[in-house]
Amino acid sequence: MSDHTETKLSGREMVRAHAYPLLALISTATLLVVAILLIPQAVRHHRYNLCIKARTVLGNCSISRPLSTAKVVEFLPFCGQCW
């Protein structure tokens, strides 16, 4: 655009000069919105994975067999969050 400092640009030249930066701005904004909207889903799946990991280590949520106190305290926050 520096080569057109003294001349007035036509409508077509204005569109051609500003189309790429505008499309780049739109695509960047779209990427940011998608990334922000995926955060709650990532948090949910992380918690679900922690729950599944706790269930595979300690078994079902019904604690019928004797467990050490440390394992029970570690396990209880995940109990009931897998669904």
C-alpha atoms as a PDB file:
ATOM      1  CA  MET A   1       0.000   0.000   0.000  1.00  0.00           C
ATOM      2  CA  SER A   2       2.979   2.304   0.280  1.00  0.00           C
ATOM      3  CA  ASP A   3       3.175   2.452  -3.522  1.00  0.00           C
ATOM      4  CA  HIS A   4      -0.290   4.088  -3.617  1.00  0.00           C
ATOM      5  CA  THR A   5       0.384   7.025  -1.300  1.00  0.00           C
ATOM      6  CA  GLU A   6      -0.471   9.771  -3.782  1.00  0.00           C
ATOM      7  CA  THR A   7      -3.196   8.037  -5.786  1.00  0.00           C
ATOM      8  CA  LYS A   8      -6.649   7.184  -4.648  1.00  0.00           C
ATOM      9  CA  LEU A   9      -7.398   3.471  -4.588  1.00  0.00           C
ATOM     10  CA  SER A  10     -10.423   2.134  -6.405  1.00  0.00           C
ATOM     11  CA  GLY A  11     -12.925  -0.081  -4.625  1.00  0.00           C
ATOM     12  CA  ARG A  12     -11.435  -3.248  -6.099  1.00  0.00           C
ATOM     13  CA  GLU A  13      -7.912  -2.242  -5.055  1.00  0.00           C
ATOM     14  CA  MET A  14      -9.098  -1.467  -1.521  1.00  0.00           C
ATOM     15  CA  VAL A  15     -10.713  -4.897  -1.246  1.00  0.00           C
ATOM     16  CA  ARG A  16      -7.609  -6.623  -2.591  1.00  0.00           C
ATOM     17  CA  ALA A  17      -5.359  -4.661  -0.235  1.00  0.00           C
ATOM     18  CA  HIS A  18      -7.390  -5.418   2.896  1.00  0.00           C
ATOM     19  CA  ALA A  19      -8.857  -8.868   2.219  1.00  0.00           C
ATOM     20  CA  TYR A  20      -5.902 -10.904   3.477  1.00  0.00           C
ATOM     21  CA  PRO A  21      -5.432  -9.077   6.810  1.00  0.00           C
ATOM     22  CA  LEU A  22      -9.183  -9.186   7.431  1.00  0.00           C
ATOM     23  CA  LEU A  23      -9.400 -12.929   6.729  1.00  0.00           C
ATOM     24  CA  ALA A  24      -6.339 -13.540   8.913  1.00  0.00           C
ATOM     25  CA  LEU A  25      -7.993 -11.626  11.749  1.00  0.00           C
ATOM     26  CA  ILE A  26     -11.225 -13.603  11.373  1.00  0.00           C
ATOM     27  CA  SER A  27      -9.404 -16.954  11.342  1.00  0.00           C
ATOM     28  CA  THR A  28      -7.337 -16.006  14.405  1.00  0.00           C
ATOM     29  CA  ALA A  29     -10.444 -14.956  16.317  1.00  0.00           C
ATOM     30  CA  THR A  30     -12.198 -18.188  15.341  1.00  0.00           C
ATOM     31  CA  LEU A  31      -9.259 -20.264  16.530  1.00  0.00           C
ATOM     32  CA  LEU A  32      -9.211 -18.473  19.878  1.00  0.00           C
ATOM     33  CA  VAL A  33     -12.966 -18.933  20.385  1.00  0.00           C
ATOM     34  CA  VAL A  34     -12.764 -22.661  19.610  1.00  0.00           C
ATOM     35  CA  ALA A  35      -9.822 -23.078  21.998  1.00  0.00           C
ATOM     36  CA  ILE A  36     -11.657 -21.251  24.791  1.00  0.00           C
ATOM     37  CA  LEU A  37     -14.830 -23.270  24.256  1.00  0.00           C
ATOM     38  CA  LEU A  38     -12.892 -26.544  24.510  1.00  0.00           C
ATOM     39  CA  ILE A  39     -11.571 -25.779  28.014  1.00  0.00           C
ATOM     40  CA  PRO A  40     -14.681 -26.992  29.937  1.00  0.00           C
ATOM     41  CA  GLN A  41     -14.750 -30.208  27.918  1.00  0.00           C
ATOM     42  CA  ALA A  42     -11.062 -30.816  28.629  1.00  0.00           C
ATOM     43  CA  VAL A  43     -11.613 -30.264  32.357  1.00  0.00           C
ATOM     44  CA  ARG A  44     -14.559 -32.684  32.352  1.00  0.00           C
ATOM     45  CA  HIS A  45     -12.591 -35.396  30.573  1.00  0.00           C
ATOM     46  CA  HIS A  46      -9.622 -34.895  32.878  1.00  0.00           C
ATOM     47  CA  ARG A  47     -11.870 -35.412  35.910  1.00  0.00           C
ATOM     48  CA  TYR A  48     -13.477 -38.435  34.258  1.00  0.00           C
ATOM     49  CA  ASN A  49     -10.039 -39.939  33.620  1.00  0.00           C
ATOM     50  CA  LEU A  50      -9.086 -39.391  37.267  1.00  0.00           C
ATOM     51  CA  CYS A  51     -12.271 -41.149  38.321  1.00  0.00           C
ATOM     52  CA  ILE A  52     -11.647 -44.115  36.045  1.00  0.00           C
ATOM     53  CA  LYS A  53      -8.075 -44.331  37.297  1.00  0.00           C
ATOM     54  CA  ALA A  54      -9.287 -44.327  40.913  1.00  0.00           C
ATOM     55  CA  ARG A  55     -11.896 -46.984  40.136  1.00  0.00           C
ATOM     56  CA  THR A  56      -9.369 -49.265  38.495  1.00  0.00           C
ATOM     57  CA  VAL A  57      -7.029 -48.942  41.470  1.00  0.00           C
ATOM     58  CA  LEU A  58      -9.596 -49.302  44.257  1.00  0.00           C
ATOM     59  CA  GLY A  59     -12.578 -51.021  42.672  1.00  0.00           C
ATOM     60  CA  ASN A  60     -16.209 -49.973  42.802  1.00  0.00           C
ATOM     61  CA  CYS A  61     -17.603 -46.971  44.724  1.00  0.00           C
ATOM     62  CA  SER A  62     -19.187 -49.199  47.352  1.00  0.00           C
ATOM     63  CA  ILE A  63     -16.346 -49.686  49.806  1.00  0.00           C
ATOM     64  CA  SER A  64     -17.258 -53.083  51.194  1.00  0.00           C
ATOM     65  CA  ARG A  65     -13.769 -54.443  51.658  1.00  0.00           C
ATOM     66  CA  PRO A  66     -11.449 -52.927  54.243  1.00  0.00           C
ATOM     67  CA  LEU A  67      -9.134 -50.290  52.825  1.00  0.00           C
ATOM     68  CA  SER A  68      -6.441 -48.255  54.476  1.00  0.00           C
ATOM     69  CA  THR A  69      -7.511 -44.786  55.583  1.00  0.00           C
ATOM     70  CA  ALA A  70      -5.181 -43.100  53.099  1.00  0.00           C
ATOM     71  CA  LYS A  71      -6.744 -44.961  50.169  1.00  0.00           C
ATOM     72  CA  VAL A  72     -10.281 -44.155  51.300  1.00  0.00           C
ATOM     73  CA  VAL A  73      -9.491 -40.456  51.699  1.00  0.00           C
ATOM     74  CA  GLU A  74      -7.834 -40.439  48.274  1.00  0.00           C
ATOM     75  CA  PHE A  75     -10.721 -42.351  46.662  1.00  0.00           C
ATOM     76  CA  LEU A  76     -13.822 -40.626  48.070  1.00  0.00           C
ATOM     77  CA  PRO A  77     -13.576 -37.338  46.102  1.00  0.00           C
ATOM     78  CA  PHE A  78     -13.798 -39.331  42.839  1.00  0.00           C
ATOM     79  CA  CYS A  79     -16.661 -41.559  43.930  1.00  0.00           C
ATOM     80  CA  GLY A  80     -19.824 -40.733  42.040  1.00  0.00           C
ATOM     81  CA  GLN A  81     -18.261 -38.363  39.492  1.00  0.00           C
ATOM     82  CA  CYS A  82     -17.863 -40.865  36.672  1.00  0.00           C
ATOM     83  CA  TRP A  83     -21.304 -40.315  35.221  1.00  0.00           C
END
